[in-house]
């Protein structure tokens, strides 16, 4: 399961682009569970001697659009109730330009290495 600071870059670029274009931000990525909350929930369910492992995987994408395509393929959609229904094209293009500018070196990695 995704957790913690997953998709931090995507979230920050969408927020920066929307703040620049509209003057405010909306929730476009669902919040992820923190590892301490998972442990606390299992503890409340009377599980004892908990061991929770985490792995950090870093994936590079040529642009933000390939990342969004993979997320849709995994059925990872925004589940927030009060989210906006659509994201405008100019905000997507601005966020994509920021993503390319700051993560171009990481994006040269192959997804299958």
PDB file of N, CA and C in Angstrom:
ATOM      1  N   UNK A   1       0.840  -1.174   0.000  1.00  0.00           N
ATOM      2  CA  UNK A   1       0.000   0.000   0.000  1.00  0.00           C
ATOM      3  C   UNK A   1       0.885   1.237   0.000  1.00  0.00           C
ATOM      4  N   UNK A   2       0.421   2.271  -0.631  1.00  0.00           N
ATOM      5  CA  UNK A   2       1.157   3.527  -0.649  1.00  0.00           C
ATOM      6  C   UNK A   2       1.010   4.212   0.703  1.00  0.00           C
ATOM      7  N   UNK A   3       2.024   4.910   1.112  1.00  0.00           N
ATOM      8  CA  UNK A   3       1.940   5.610   2.384  1.00  0.00           C
ATOM      9  C   UNK A   3       2.967   6.711   2.484  1.00  0.00           C
ATOM     10  N   UNK A   4       2.868   7.456   3.556  1.00  0.00           N
ATOM     11  CA  UNK A   4       3.849   8.487   3.845  1.00  0.00           C
ATOM     12  C   UNK A   4       3.881   9.598   2.813  1.00  0.00           C
ATOM     13  N   UNK A   5       5.060   9.838   2.272  1.00  0.00           N
ATOM     14  CA  UNK A   5       5.262  10.929   1.316  1.00  0.00           C
ATOM     15  C   UNK A   5       5.212  10.454  -0.129  1.00  0.00           C
ATOM     16  N   UNK A   6       4.459   9.412  -0.398  1.00  0.00           N
ATOM     17  CA  UNK A   6       4.311   8.919  -1.759  1.00  0.00           C
ATOM     18  C   UNK A   6       3.732  10.021  -2.642  1.00  0.00           C
ATOM     19  N   UNK A   7       4.261  10.154  -3.832  1.00  0.00           N
ATOM     20  CA  UNK A   7       3.826  11.136  -4.833  1.00  0.00           C
ATOM     21  C   UNK A   7       3.977  12.575  -4.339  1.00  0.00           C
ATOM     22  N   UNK A   8       4.941  12.796  -3.478  1.00  0.00           N
ATOM     23  CA  UNK A   8       5.167  14.137  -2.941  1.00  0.00           C
ATOM     24  C   UNK A   8       5.441  15.146  -4.052  1.00  0.00           C
ATOM     25  N   UNK A   9       6.278  14.751  -5.016  1.00  0.00           N
ATOM     26  CA  UNK A   9       6.634  15.662  -6.098  1.00  0.00           C
ATOM     27  C   UNK A   9       5.416  16.038  -6.932  1.00  0.00           C
ATOM     28  N   UNK A  10       4.625  15.031  -7.294  1.00  0.00           N
ATOM     29  CA  UNK A  10       3.422  15.284  -8.100  1.00  0.00           C
ATOM     30  C   UNK A  10       2.468  16.214  -7.359  1.00  0.00           C
ATOM     31  N   UNK A  11       2.265  15.954  -6.102  1.00  0.00           N
ATOM     32  CA  UNK A  11       1.369  16.783  -5.296  1.00  0.00           C
ATOM     33  C   UNK A  11       1.872  18.224  -5.217  1.00  0.00           C
ATOM     34  N   UNK A  12       3.156  18.394  -4.977  1.00  0.00           N
ATOM     35  CA  UNK A  12       3.686  19.751  -4.839  1.00  0.00           C
ATOM     36  C   UNK A  12       3.641  20.513  -6.162  1.00  0.00           C
ATOM     37  N   UNK A  13       3.922  19.837  -7.284  1.00  0.00           N
ATOM     38  CA  UNK A  13       3.872  20.522  -8.576  1.00  0.00           C
ATOM     39  C   UNK A  13       2.452  20.905  -8.958  1.00  0.00           C
ATOM     40  N   UNK A  14       1.500  20.040  -8.659  1.00  0.00           N
ATOM     41  CA  UNK A  14       0.100  20.386  -8.941  1.00  0.00           C
ATOM     42  C   UNK A  14      -0.339  21.575  -8.099  1.00  0.00           C
ATOM     43  N   UNK A  15       0.073  21.596  -6.844  1.00  0.00           N
ATOM     44  CA  UNK A  15      -0.291  22.709  -5.974  1.00  0.00           C
ATOM     45  C   UNK A  15       0.370  24.012  -6.416  1.00  0.00           C
ATOM     46  N   UNK A  16       1.643  23.945  -6.777  1.00  0.00           N
ATOM     47  CA  UNK A  16       2.333  25.156  -7.242  1.00  0.00           C
ATOM     48  C   UNK A  16       1.720  25.701  -8.529  1.00  0.00           C
ATOM     49  N   UNK A  17       1.415  24.804  -9.463  1.00  0.00           N
ATOM     50  CA  UNK A  17       0.820  25.234 -10.730  1.00  0.00           C
ATOM     51  C   UNK A  17      -0.562  25.838 -10.508  1.00  0.00           C
ATOM     52  N   UNK A  18      -1.343  25.213  -9.642  1.00  0.00           N
ATOM     53  CA  UNK A  18      -2.690  25.730  -9.386  1.00  0.00           C
ATOM     54  C   UNK A  18      -2.641  27.052  -8.616  1.00  0.00           C
ATOM     55  N   UNK A  19      -1.715  27.167  -7.707  1.00  0.00           N
ATOM     56  CA  UNK A  19      -1.557  28.420  -6.970  1.00  0.00           C
ATOM     57  C   UNK A  19      -1.154  29.549  -7.917  1.00  0.00           C
ATOM     58  N   UNK A  20      -0.272  29.228  -8.863  1.00  0.00           N
ATOM     59  CA  UNK A  20       0.168  30.228  -9.837  1.00  0.00           C
ATOM     60  C   UNK A  20      -0.964  30.619 -10.777  1.00  0.00           C
ATOM     61  N   UNK A  21      -1.761  29.665 -11.231  1.00  0.00           N
ATOM     62  CA  UNK A  21      -2.804  29.929 -12.234  1.00  0.00           C
ATOM     63  C   UNK A  21      -4.112  30.439 -11.642  1.00  0.00           C
ATOM     64  N   UNK A  22      -4.503  29.881 -10.488  1.00  0.00           N
ATOM     65  CA  UNK A  22      -5.809  30.220  -9.924  1.00  0.00           C
ATOM     66  C   UNK A  22      -5.741  31.007  -8.626  1.00  0.00           C
ATOM     67  N   UNK A  23      -4.583  31.043  -7.996  1.00  0.00           N
ATOM     68  CA  UNK A  23      -4.448  31.775  -6.743  1.00  0.00           C
ATOM     69  C   UNK A  23      -4.854  30.964  -5.527  1.00  0.00           C
ATOM     70  N   UNK A  24      -5.121  29.694  -5.678  1.00  0.00           N
ATOM     71  CA  UNK A  24      -5.488  28.814  -4.568  1.00  0.00           C
ATOM     72  C   UNK A  24      -5.240  27.379  -4.964  1.00  0.00           C
ATOM     73  N   UNK A  25      -5.391  26.471  -4.003  1.00  0.00           N
ATOM     74  CA  UNK A  25      -5.151  25.061  -4.297  1.00  0.00           C
ATOM     75  C   UNK A  25      -6.341  24.219  -3.869  1.00  0.00           C
ATOM     76  N   UNK A  26      -6.456  23.059  -4.500  1.00  0.00           N
ATOM     77  CA  UNK A  26      -7.485  22.078  -4.150  1.00  0.00           C
ATOM     78  C   UNK A  26      -6.803  20.722  -3.986  1.00  0.00           C
ATOM     79  N   UNK A  27      -7.472  19.805  -3.356  1.00  0.00           N
ATOM     80  CA  UNK A  27      -6.939  18.473  -3.120  1.00  0.00           C
ATOM     81  C   UNK A  27      -7.057  17.647  -4.407  1.00  0.00           C
ATOM     82  N   UNK A  28      -5.922  17.283  -4.998  1.00  0.00           N
ATOM     83  CA  UNK A  28      -5.928  16.476  -6.220  1.00  0.00           C
ATOM     84  C   UNK A  28      -5.362  15.082  -5.993  1.00  0.00           C
ATOM     85  N   UNK A  29      -4.694  14.880  -4.869  1.00  0.00           N
ATOM     86  CA  UNK A  29      -4.131  13.577  -4.533  1.00  0.00           C
ATOM     87  C   UNK A  29      -4.614  13.231  -3.133  1.00  0.00           C
ATOM     88  N   UNK A  30      -5.161  12.027  -2.997  1.00  0.00           N
ATOM     89  CA  UNK A  30      -5.660  11.591  -1.694  1.00  0.00           C
ATOM     90  C   UNK A  30      -4.513  11.536  -0.687  1.00  0.00           C
ATOM     91  N   UNK A  31      -4.771  11.879   0.567  1.00  0.00           N
ATOM     92  CA  UNK A  31      -3.723  11.756   1.582  1.00  0.00           C
ATOM     93  C   UNK A  31      -3.397  10.285   1.822  1.00  0.00           C
ATOM     94  N   UNK A  32      -2.125  10.011   2.091  1.00  0.00           N
ATOM     95  CA  UNK A  32      -1.685   8.645   2.329  1.00  0.00           C
ATOM     96  C   UNK A  32      -1.517   8.383   3.811  1.00  0.00           C
ATOM     97  N   UNK A  33      -1.663   7.136   4.195  1.00  0.00           N
ATOM     98  CA  UNK A  33      -1.555   6.719   5.579  1.00  0.00           C
ATOM     99  C   UNK A  33      -0.106   6.791   6.043  1.00  0.00           C
ATOM    100  N   UNK A  34       0.099   7.292   7.234  1.00  0.00           N
ATOM    101  CA  UNK A  34       1.429   7.301   7.834  1.00  0.00           C
ATOM    102  C   UNK A  34       1.676   5.949   8.498  1.00  0.00           C
ATOM    103  N   UNK A  35       2.918   5.510   8.539  1.00  0.00           N
ATOM    104  CA  UNK A  35       3.255   4.192   9.081  1.00  0.00           C
ATOM    105  C   UNK A  35       2.888   4.086  10.559  1.00  0.00           C
ATOM    106  N   UNK A  36       3.017   5.177  11.305  1.00  0.00           N
ATOM    107  CA  UNK A  36       2.646   5.138  12.722  1.00  0.00           C
ATOM    108  C   UNK A  36       1.147   4.912  12.900  1.00  0.00           C
ATOM    109  N   UNK A  37       0.337   5.409  11.963  1.00  0.00           N
ATOM    110  CA  UNK A  37      -1.110   5.205  12.045  1.00  0.00           C
ATOM    111  C   UNK A  37      -1.489   3.758  11.756  1.00  0.00           C
ATOM    112  N   UNK A  38      -0.756   3.116  10.861  1.00  0.00           N
ATOM    113  CA  UNK A  38      -1.005   1.698  10.585  1.00  0.00           C
ATOM    114  C   UNK A  38      -0.706   0.872  11.829  1.00  0.00           C
ATOM    115  N   UNK A  39       0.426   1.147  12.456  1.00  0.00           N
ATOM    116  CA  UNK A  39       0.782   0.434  13.685  1.00  0.00           C
ATOM    117  C   UNK A  39      -0.222   0.669  14.803  1.00  0.00           C
ATOM    118  N   UNK A  40      -0.668   1.907  14.949  1.00  0.00           N
ATOM    119  CA  UNK A  40      -1.651   2.217  15.996  1.00  0.00           C
ATOM    120  C   UNK A  40      -2.981   1.512  15.728  1.00  0.00           C
ATOM    121  N   UNK A  41      -3.396   1.449  14.490  1.00  0.00           N
ATOM    122  CA  UNK A  41      -4.655   0.766  14.157  1.00  0.00           C
ATOM    123  C   UNK A  41      -4.560  -0.727  14.426  1.00  0.00           C
ATOM    124  N   UNK A  42      -3.441  -1.334  14.063  1.00  0.00           N
ATOM    125  CA  UNK A  42      -3.267  -2.764  14.334  1.00  0.00           C
ATOM    126  C   UNK A  42      -3.189  -3.028  15.831  1.00  0.00           C
ATOM    127  N   UNK A  43      -2.573  -2.131  16.564  1.00  0.00           N
ATOM    128  CA  UNK A  43      -2.491  -2.277  18.014  1.00  0.00           C
ATOM    129  C   UNK A  43      -3.875  -2.174  18.651  1.00  0.00           C
ATOM    130  N   UNK A  44      -4.698  -1.242  18.174  1.00  0.00           N
ATOM    131  CA  UNK A  44      -6.069  -1.122  18.689  1.00  0.00           C
ATOM    132  C   UNK A  44      -6.916  -2.336  18.353  1.00  0.00           C
ATOM    133  N   UNK A  45      -6.557  -3.040  17.285  1.00  0.00           N
ATOM    134  CA  UNK A  45      -7.283  -4.254  16.900  1.00  0.00           C
ATOM    135  C   UNK A  45      -6.762  -5.474  17.664  1.00  0.00           C
ATOM    136  N   UNK A  46      -5.948  -5.244  18.678  1.00  0.00           N
ATOM    137  CA  UNK A  46      -5.427  -6.258  19.584  1.00  0.00           C
ATOM    138  C   UNK A  46      -4.336  -7.149  18.971  1.00  0.00           C
ATOM    139  N   UNK A  47      -3.679  -6.656  17.915  1.00  0.00           N
ATOM    140  CA  UNK A  47      -2.503  -7.361  17.414  1.00  0.00           C
ATOM    141  C   UNK A  47      -1.332  -6.963  18.297  1.00  0.00           C
ATOM    142  N   UNK A  48      -0.499  -7.932  18.641  1.00  0.00           N
ATOM    143  CA  UNK A  48       0.650  -7.654  19.487  1.00  0.00           C
ATOM    144  C   UNK A  48       1.922  -8.040  18.748  1.00  0.00           C
ATOM    145  N   UNK A  49       3.046  -7.581  19.252  1.00  0.00           N
ATOM    146  CA  UNK A  49       4.357  -7.856  18.662  1.00  0.00           C
ATOM    147  C   UNK A  49       4.382  -7.486  17.182  1.00  0.00           C
ATOM    148  N   UNK A  50       4.014  -6.263  16.894  1.00  0.00           N
ATOM    149  CA  UNK A  50       3.940  -5.798  15.520  1.00  0.00           C
ATOM    150  C   UNK A  50       5.317  -5.561  14.919  1.00  0.00           C
ATOM    151  N   UNK A  51       5.448  -5.942  13.676  1.00  0.00           N
ATOM    152  CA  UNK A  51       6.613  -5.607  12.875  1.00  0.00           C
ATOM    153  C   UNK A  51       6.089  -5.078  11.551  1.00  0.00           C
ATOM    154  N   UNK A  52       6.404  -3.840  11.265  1.00  0.00           N
ATOM    155  CA  UNK A  52       5.937  -3.223  10.027  1.00  0.00           C
ATOM    156  C   UNK A  52       7.154  -2.863   9.200  1.00  0.00           C
ATOM    157  N   UNK A  53       7.216  -3.397   8.010  1.00  0.00           N
ATOM    158  CA  UNK A  53       8.336  -3.127   7.111  1.00  0.00           C
ATOM    159  C   UNK A  53       7.919  -2.129   6.046  1.00  0.00           C
ATOM    160  N   UNK A  54       8.856  -1.296   5.655  1.00  0.00           N
ATOM    161  CA  UNK A  54       8.602  -0.346   4.576  1.00  0.00           C
ATOM    162  C   UNK A  54       9.716  -0.464   3.542  1.00  0.00           C
ATOM    163  N   UNK A  55       9.380  -0.217   2.321  1.00  0.00           N
ATOM    164  CA  UNK A  55      10.343  -0.162   1.227  1.00  0.00           C
ATOM    165  C   UNK A  55      10.177   1.163   0.517  1.00  0.00           C
ATOM    166  N   UNK A  56      11.280   1.736   0.119  1.00  0.00           N
ATOM    167  CA  UNK A  56      11.229   2.961  -0.676  1.00  0.00           C
ATOM    168  C   UNK A  56      11.662   2.617  -2.086  1.00  0.00           C
ATOM    169  N   UNK A  57      10.788   2.883  -3.030  1.00  0.00           N
ATOM    170  CA  UNK A  57      11.080   2.666  -4.435  1.00  0.00           C
ATOM    171  C   UNK A  57      11.071   4.005  -5.149  1.00  0.00           C
ATOM    172  N   UNK A  58      12.074   4.249  -5.949  1.00  0.00           N
ATOM    173  CA  UNK A  58      12.151   5.487  -6.702  1.00  0.00           C
ATOM    174  C   UNK A  58      11.998   5.152  -8.179  1.00  0.00           C
ATOM    175  N   UNK A  59      10.992   5.721  -8.791  1.00  0.00           N
ATOM    176  CA  UNK A  59      10.730   5.494 -10.207  1.00  0.00           C
ATOM    177  C   UNK A  59      10.936   6.808 -10.946  1.00  0.00           C
ATOM    178  N   UNK A  60      11.517   6.729 -12.127  1.00  0.00           N
ATOM    179  CA  UNK A  60      11.692   7.905 -12.960  1.00  0.00           C
ATOM    180  C   UNK A  60      10.763   7.841 -14.162  1.00  0.00           C
ATOM    181  N   UNK A  61      10.175   8.942 -14.503  1.00  0.00           N
ATOM    182  CA  UNK A  61       9.276   9.039 -15.651  1.00  0.00           C
ATOM    183  C   UNK A  61       9.731  10.201 -16.527  1.00  0.00           C
ATOM    184  N   UNK A  62       9.604  10.053 -17.847  1.00  0.00           N
ATOM    185  CA  UNK A  62      10.005  11.134 -18.746  1.00  0.00           C
ATOM    186  C   UNK A  62       9.200  12.419 -18.530  1.00  0.00           C
ATOM    187  N   UNK A  63       7.938  12.270 -18.147  1.00  0.00           N
ATOM    188  CA  UNK A  63       7.115  13.437 -17.850  1.00  0.00           C
ATOM    189  C   UNK A  63       6.049  13.040 -16.835  1.00  0.00           C
ATOM    190  N   UNK A  64       5.356  14.040 -16.362  1.00  0.00           N
ATOM    191  CA  UNK A  64       4.303  13.805 -15.390  1.00  0.00           C
ATOM    192  C   UNK A  64       3.156  12.980 -15.983  1.00  0.00           C
ATOM    193  N   UNK A  65       2.963  13.081 -17.288  1.00  0.00           N
ATOM    194  CA  UNK A  65       1.839  12.399 -17.917  1.00  0.00           C
ATOM    195  C   UNK A  65       2.002  10.878 -17.901  1.00  0.00           C
ATOM    196  N   UNK A  66       3.226  10.373 -18.033  1.00  0.00           N
ATOM    197  CA  UNK A  66       3.461   8.937 -17.928  1.00  0.00           C
ATOM    198  C   UNK A  66       3.192   8.446 -16.507  1.00  0.00           C
ATOM    199  N   UNK A  67       3.570   9.264 -15.519  1.00  0.00           N
ATOM    200  CA  UNK A  67       3.297   8.925 -14.122  1.00  0.00           C
ATOM    201  C   UNK A  67       1.792   8.832 -13.886  1.00  0.00           C
ATOM    202  N   UNK A  68       1.049   9.813 -14.354  1.00  0.00           N
ATOM    203  CA  UNK A  68      -0.410   9.814 -14.178  1.00  0.00           C
ATOM    204  C   UNK A  68      -1.032   8.621 -14.916  1.00  0.00           C
ATOM    205  N   UNK A  69      -0.486   8.290 -16.091  1.00  0.00           N
ATOM    206  CA  UNK A  69      -0.985   7.143 -16.855  1.00  0.00           C
ATOM    207  C   UNK A  69      -0.807   5.849 -16.052  1.00  0.00           C
ATOM    208  N   UNK A  70       0.356   5.659 -15.434  1.00  0.00           N
ATOM    209  CA  UNK A  70       0.590   4.476 -14.611  1.00  0.00           C
ATOM    210  C   UNK A  70      -0.334   4.452 -13.396  1.00  0.00           C
ATOM    211  N   UNK A  71      -0.546   5.593 -12.769  1.00  0.00           N
ATOM    212  CA  UNK A  71      -1.444   5.646 -11.612  1.00  0.00           C
ATOM    213  C   UNK A  71      -2.867   5.257 -12.004  1.00  0.00           C
ATOM    214  N   UNK A  72      -3.329   5.732 -13.142  1.00  0.00           N
ATOM    215  CA  UNK A  72      -4.668   5.358 -13.603  1.00  0.00           C
ATOM    216  C   UNK A  72      -4.733   3.873 -13.917  1.00  0.00           C
ATOM    217  N   UNK A  73      -3.645   3.322 -14.467  1.00  0.00           N
ATOM    218  CA  UNK A  73      -3.591   1.890 -14.765  1.00  0.00           C
ATOM    219  C   UNK A  73      -3.651   1.028 -13.515  1.00  0.00           C
ATOM    220  N   UNK A  74      -3.183   1.572 -12.380  1.00  0.00           N
ATOM    221  CA  UNK A  74      -3.254   0.858 -11.104  1.00  0.00           C
ATOM    222  C   UNK A  74      -4.560   1.144 -10.365  1.00  0.00           C
ATOM    223  N   UNK A  75      -5.448   1.896 -10.986  1.00  0.00           N
ATOM    224  CA  UNK A  75      -6.721   2.305 -10.385  1.00  0.00           C
ATOM    225  C   UNK A  75      -6.499   3.137  -9.126  1.00  0.00           C
ATOM    226  N   UNK A  76      -5.423   3.905  -9.115  1.00  0.00           N
ATOM    227  CA  UNK A  76      -5.127   4.803  -7.995  1.00  0.00           C
ATOM    228  C   UNK A  76      -5.708   6.173  -8.301  1.00  0.00           C
ATOM    229  N   UNK A  77      -6.991   6.308  -8.086  1.00  0.00           N
ATOM    230  CA  UNK A  77      -7.677   7.569  -8.329  1.00  0.00           C
ATOM    231  C   UNK A  77      -7.865   8.315  -7.021  1.00  0.00           C
ATOM    232  N   UNK A  78      -8.107   9.585  -7.111  1.00  0.00           N
ATOM    233  CA  UNK A  78      -8.346  10.409  -5.937  1.00  0.00           C
ATOM    234  C   UNK A  78      -9.690  10.025  -5.333  1.00  0.00           C
ATOM    235  N   UNK A  79      -9.675   9.623  -4.082  1.00  0.00           N
ATOM    236  CA  UNK A  79     -10.894   9.183  -3.421  1.00  0.00           C
ATOM    237  C   UNK A  79     -11.502  10.247  -2.519  1.00  0.00           C
ATOM    238  N   UNK A  80     -10.939  11.439  -2.531  1.00  0.00           N
ATOM    239  CA  UNK A  80     -11.463  12.500  -1.675  1.00  0.00           C
ATOM    240  C   UNK A  80     -12.862  12.912  -2.134  1.00  0.00           C
ATOM    241  N   UNK A  81     -13.738  13.086  -1.178  1.00  0.00           N
ATOM    242  CA  UNK A  81     -15.128  13.418  -1.475  1.00  0.00           C
ATOM    243  C   UNK A  81     -15.289  14.832  -2.018  1.00  0.00           C
ATOM    244  N   UNK A  82     -14.531  15.777  -1.484  1.00  0.00           N
ATOM    245  CA  UNK A  82     -14.697  17.184  -1.848  1.00  0.00           C
ATOM    246  C   UNK A  82     -13.695  17.659  -2.901  1.00  0.00           C
ATOM    247  N   UNK A  83     -13.190  16.764  -3.696  1.00  0.00           N
ATOM    248  CA  UNK A  83     -12.204  17.135  -4.717  1.00  0.00           C
ATOM    249  C   UNK A  83     -12.885  17.745  -5.929  1.00  0.00           C
ATOM    250  N   UNK A  84     -12.164  18.556  -6.695  1.00  0.00           N
ATOM    251  CA  UNK A  84     -12.732  19.078  -7.941  1.00  0.00           C
ATOM    252  C   UNK A  84     -12.833  17.950  -8.972  1.00  0.00           C
ATOM    253  N   UNK A  85     -13.839  18.019  -9.822  1.00  0.00           N
ATOM    254  CA  UNK A  85     -14.069  16.951 -10.791  1.00  0.00           C
ATOM    255  C   UNK A  85     -13.019  16.926 -11.890  1.00  0.00           C
ATOM    256  N   UNK A  86     -12.515  18.081 -12.293  1.00  0.00           N
ATOM    257  CA  UNK A  86     -11.563  18.139 -13.399  1.00  0.00           C
ATOM    258  C   UNK A  86     -10.389  19.049 -13.055  1.00  0.00           C
ATOM    259  N   UNK A  87      -9.291  18.797 -13.718  1.00  0.00           N
ATOM    260  CA  UNK A  87      -8.102  19.621 -13.595  1.00  0.00           C
ATOM    261  C   UNK A  87      -7.866  20.260 -14.955  1.00  0.00           C
ATOM    262  N   UNK A  88      -7.747  21.569 -14.994  1.00  0.00           N
ATOM    263  CA  UNK A  88      -7.659  22.252 -16.286  1.00  0.00           C
ATOM    264  C   UNK A  88      -6.342  21.942 -17.003  1.00  0.00           C
ATOM    265  N   UNK A  89      -6.372  22.074 -18.304  1.00  0.00           N
ATOM    266  CA  UNK A  89      -5.222  21.759 -19.150  1.00  0.00           C
ATOM    267  C   UNK A  89      -4.027  22.652 -18.829  1.00  0.00           C
ATOM    268  N   UNK A  90      -4.259  23.942 -18.606  1.00  0.00           N
ATOM    269  CA  UNK A  90      -3.130  24.831 -18.353  1.00  0.00           C
ATOM    270  C   UNK A  90      -2.428  24.506 -17.039  1.00  0.00           C
ATOM    271  N   UNK A  91      -3.170  24.060 -16.042  1.00  0.00           N
ATOM    272  CA  UNK A  91      -2.553  23.653 -14.777  1.00  0.00           C
ATOM    273  C   UNK A  91      -1.740  22.379 -14.981  1.00  0.00           C
ATOM    274  N   UNK A  92      -2.263  21.436 -15.743  1.00  0.00           N
ATOM    275  CA  UNK A  92      -1.524  20.198 -16.027  1.00  0.00           C
ATOM    276  C   UNK A  92      -0.233  20.491 -16.790  1.00  0.00           C
ATOM    277  N   UNK A  93      -0.300  21.376 -17.786  1.00  0.00           N
ATOM    278  CA  UNK A  93       0.895  21.696 -18.558  1.00  0.00           C
ATOM    279  C   UNK A  93       1.932  22.439 -17.722  1.00  0.00           C
ATOM    280  N   UNK A  94       1.488  23.331 -16.859  1.00  0.00           N
ATOM    281  CA  UNK A  94       2.415  24.054 -15.977  1.00  0.00           C
ATOM    282  C   UNK A  94       3.078  23.095 -14.993  1.00  0.00           C
ATOM    283  N   UNK A  95       2.305  22.186 -14.411  1.00  0.00           N
ATOM    284  CA  UNK A  95       2.858  21.204 -13.478  1.00  0.00           C
ATOM    285  C   UNK A  95       3.833  20.274 -14.191  1.00  0.00           C
ATOM    286  N   UNK A  96       3.508  19.888 -15.421  1.00  0.00           N
ATOM    287  CA  UNK A  96       4.392  19.018 -16.191  1.00  0.00           C
ATOM    288  C   UNK A  96       5.710  19.708 -16.511  1.00  0.00           C
ATOM    289  N   UNK A  97       5.667  20.988 -16.833  1.00  0.00           N
ATOM    290  CA  UNK A  97       6.899  21.737 -17.108  1.00  0.00           C
ATOM    291  C   UNK A  97       7.784  21.804 -15.866  1.00  0.00           C
ATOM    292  N   UNK A  98       7.185  22.010 -14.695  1.00  0.00           N
ATOM    293  CA  UNK A  98       7.950  22.034 -13.449  1.00  0.00           C
ATOM    294  C   UNK A  98       8.566  20.670 -13.171  1.00  0.00           C
ATOM    295  N   UNK A  99       7.799  19.618 -13.383  1.00  0.00           N
ATOM    296  CA  UNK A  99       8.272  18.245 -13.162  1.00  0.00           C
ATOM    297  C   UNK A  99       9.468  17.950 -14.066  1.00  0.00           C
ATOM    298  N   UNK A 100       9.359  18.299 -15.342  1.00  0.00           N
ATOM    299  CA  UNK A 100      10.455  18.049 -16.278  1.00  0.00           C
ATOM    300  C   UNK A 100      11.701  18.841 -15.906  1.00  0.00           C
ATOM    301  N   UNK A 101      11.513  20.079 -15.501  1.00  0.00           N
ATOM    302  CA  UNK A 101      12.648  20.947 -15.175  1.00  0.00           C
ATOM    303  C   UNK A 101      13.438  20.419 -13.983  1.00  0.00           C
ATOM    304  N   UNK A 102      12.763  19.951 -12.961  1.00  0.00           N
ATOM    305  CA  UNK A 102      13.455  19.552 -11.739  1.00  0.00           C
ATOM    306  C   UNK A 102      13.832  18.081 -11.682  1.00  0.00           C
ATOM    307  N   UNK A 103      13.183  17.239 -12.460  1.00  0.00           N
ATOM    308  CA  UNK A 103      13.444  15.802 -12.376  1.00  0.00           C
ATOM    309  C   UNK A 103      13.841  15.192 -13.703  1.00  0.00           C
ATOM    310  N   UNK A 104      14.440  15.972 -14.598  1.00  0.00           N
ATOM    311  CA  UNK A 104      14.851  15.462 -15.907  1.00  0.00           C
ATOM    312  C   UNK A 104      15.946  14.407 -15.764  1.00  0.00           C
ATOM    313  N   UNK A 105      16.868  14.585 -14.846  1.00  0.00           N
ATOM    314  CA  UNK A 105      17.947  13.614 -14.672  1.00  0.00           C
ATOM    315  C   UNK A 105      17.413  12.286 -14.149  1.00  0.00           C
ATOM    316  N   UNK A 106      16.490  12.324 -13.221  1.00  0.00           N
ATOM    317  CA  UNK A 106      15.902  11.104 -12.679  1.00  0.00           C
ATOM    318  C   UNK A 106      15.075  10.408 -13.752  1.00  0.00           C
ATOM    319  N   UNK A 107      14.467  11.176 -14.625  1.00  0.00           N
ATOM    320  CA  UNK A 107      13.575  10.607 -15.638  1.00  0.00           C
ATOM    321  C   UNK A 107      14.314   9.811 -16.694  1.00  0.00           C
ATOM    322  N   UNK A 108      15.642   9.910 -16.761  1.00  0.00           N
ATOM    323  CA  UNK A 108      16.385   9.147 -17.746  1.00  0.00           C
ATOM    324  C   UNK A 108      16.555   7.694 -17.343  1.00  0.00           C
ATOM    325  N   UNK A 109      16.164   7.323 -16.137  1.00  0.00           N
ATOM    326  CA  UNK A 109      16.260   5.939 -15.693  1.00  0.00           C
ATOM    327  C   UNK A 109      15.185   5.096 -16.379  1.00  0.00           C
ATOM    328  N   UNK A 110      15.508   3.873 -16.664  1.00  0.00           N
ATOM    329  CA  UNK A 110      14.541   2.963 -17.257  1.00  0.00           C
ATOM    330  C   UNK A 110      13.616   2.435 -16.174  1.00  0.00           C
ATOM    331  N   UNK A 111      12.353   2.287 -16.508  1.00  0.00           N
ATOM    332  CA  UNK A 111      11.377   1.759 -15.540  1.00  0.00           C
ATOM    333  C   UNK A 111      11.632   0.279 -15.259  1.00  0.00           C
ATOM    334  N   UNK A 112      12.412  -0.381 -16.091  1.00  0.00           N
ATOM    335  CA  UNK A 112      12.563  -1.829 -15.977  1.00  0.00           C
ATOM    336  C   UNK A 112      13.978  -2.248 -15.570  1.00  0.00           C
ATOM    337  N   UNK A 113      14.772  -1.330 -15.021  1.00  0.00           N
ATOM    338  CA  UNK A 113      16.130  -1.684 -14.553  1.00  0.00           C
ATOM    339  C   UNK A 113      16.055  -2.474 -13.278  1.00  0.00           C
TER     340      UNK A 113
END
